[in-house]
Amino acid sequence: MNGARAERVIWRALSGIFASNAQGKVWFLVGSHVDPDTKVFALTEVYVLRRNPNISPESKDMLEYYLRCVQKRDPEIGGGYLPSDLLAG
């Protein structure tokens, strides 16, 4: 396994662990021109978060939207979720 591939495998594993332990509202921001074949969020985290029973319904709704964009291979996703209660602090 070459260095770049090994690095991506490790990054995906760590990201999957992180996403599987998420709780409550999960916020994220995704830019445009996303390549779903190379971006860890599109390859791993969105699927792990989707199965995670501990995240909020609002987070799941935004993840479903993002997942539809990835599945349609729409590179102009440019969306995200930032819960308003994070700004109230």
Protein backbone atom coordinates (compact mmCIF):
# COMPACT_ATOMS: atom_id res chain seq x y z
CA MET A 1 0.00 0.00 0.00
CA ASN A 2 1.50 3.34 -0.98
CA GLY A 3 1.87 6.20 1.50
CA ALA A 4 -1.07 8.30 0.26
CA ARG A 5 -3.42 5.33 0.24
CA ALA A 6 -2.32 4.21 3.71
CA GLU A 7 -2.85 7.73 5.01
CA ARG A 8 -6.38 7.84 3.56
CA VAL A 9 -7.24 4.46 5.11
CA ILE A 10 -6.05 5.62 8.53
CA TRP A 11 -7.89 8.94 8.20
CA ARG A 12 -11.11 7.13 7.20
CA ALA A 13 -10.82 4.74 10.16
CA LEU A 14 -10.28 7.58 12.64
CA SER A 15 -13.12 9.61 11.11
CA GLY A 16 -15.44 6.62 11.34
CA ILE A 17 -14.62 6.17 15.02
CA PHE A 18 -15.19 9.88 15.64
CA ALA A 19 -18.56 9.84 13.81
CA SER A 20 -19.74 6.69 15.58
CA ASN A 21 -19.19 8.37 18.95
CA ALA A 22 -20.99 11.62 18.08
CA GLN A 23 -23.96 12.64 20.21
CA GLY A 24 -26.64 15.29 19.93
CA LYS A 25 -26.41 17.94 17.26
CA VAL A 26 -23.65 17.32 14.74
CA TRP A 27 -22.62 20.36 12.75
CA PHE A 28 -20.74 20.37 9.49
CA LEU A 29 -19.96 22.55 6.52
CA VAL A 30 -19.33 21.20 3.04
CA GLY A 31 -18.01 23.37 0.22
CA SER A 32 -18.69 23.11 -3.46
CA HIS A 33 -16.73 21.00 -5.97
CA VAL A 34 -16.78 18.00 -3.62
CA ASP A 35 -15.36 14.80 -5.06
CA PRO A 36 -17.27 12.01 -3.29
CA ASP A 37 -14.55 9.54 -4.29
CA THR A 38 -11.81 11.27 -2.31
CA LYS A 39 -13.39 13.27 0.54
CA VAL A 40 -13.50 11.43 3.87
CA PHE A 41 -16.79 13.02 4.96
CA ALA A 42 -18.52 11.82 1.78
CA LEU A 43 -16.81 8.41 1.80
CA THR A 44 -17.13 7.52 5.47
CA GLU A 45 -18.52 9.96 8.01
CA VAL A 46 -21.90 10.63 6.43
CA TYR A 47 -22.68 6.89 6.35
CA VAL A 48 -21.48 6.28 9.92
CA LEU A 49 -23.40 9.31 11.22
CA ARG A 50 -26.51 8.15 9.37
CA ARG A 51 -26.44 4.87 11.37
CA ASN A 52 -25.61 6.61 14.66
CA PRO A 53 -28.72 6.50 16.92
CA ASN A 54 -27.31 9.19 19.23
CA ILE A 55 -27.46 12.22 16.93
CA SER A 56 -30.34 14.66 16.73
CA PRO A 57 -33.18 14.40 14.21
CA GLU A 58 -32.14 17.78 12.75
CA SER A 59 -28.63 16.48 12.12
CA LYS A 60 -30.04 13.35 10.47
CA ASP A 61 -32.21 15.50 8.17
CA MET A 62 -29.20 17.50 7.00
CA LEU A 63 -27.15 14.33 6.55
CA GLU A 64 -29.89 12.83 4.38
CA TYR A 65 -29.82 15.94 2.16
CA TYR A 66 -26.05 15.73 1.87
CA LEU A 67 -26.18 12.01 1.15
CA ARG A 68 -28.67 12.58 -1.68
CA CYS A 69 -26.26 15.10 -3.21
CA VAL A 70 -23.37 12.63 -2.92
CA GLN A 71 -25.42 9.83 -4.46
CA LYS A 72 -26.45 12.07 -7.36
CA ARG A 73 -22.76 12.98 -7.68
CA ASP A 74 -23.70 16.65 -7.46
CA PRO A 75 -20.39 18.50 -6.97
CA GLU A 76 -22.11 21.78 -6.11
CA ILE A 77 -23.33 20.70 -2.68
CA GLY A 78 -22.20 23.80 -0.79
CA GLY A 79 -24.26 23.23 2.37
CA GLY A 80 -23.99 22.60 6.04
CA TYR A 81 -25.63 22.57 9.42
CA LEU A 82 -24.76 24.85 12.31
CA PRO A 83 -27.28 24.59 15.18
CA SER A 84 -28.41 27.98 16.44
CA ASP A 85 -27.82 27.03 20.08
CA LEU A 86 -24.10 26.87 19.36
CA LEU A 87 -24.19 30.57 18.58
CA ALA A 88 -26.07 31.53 21.75
CA GLY A 89 -23.07 30.88 24.06
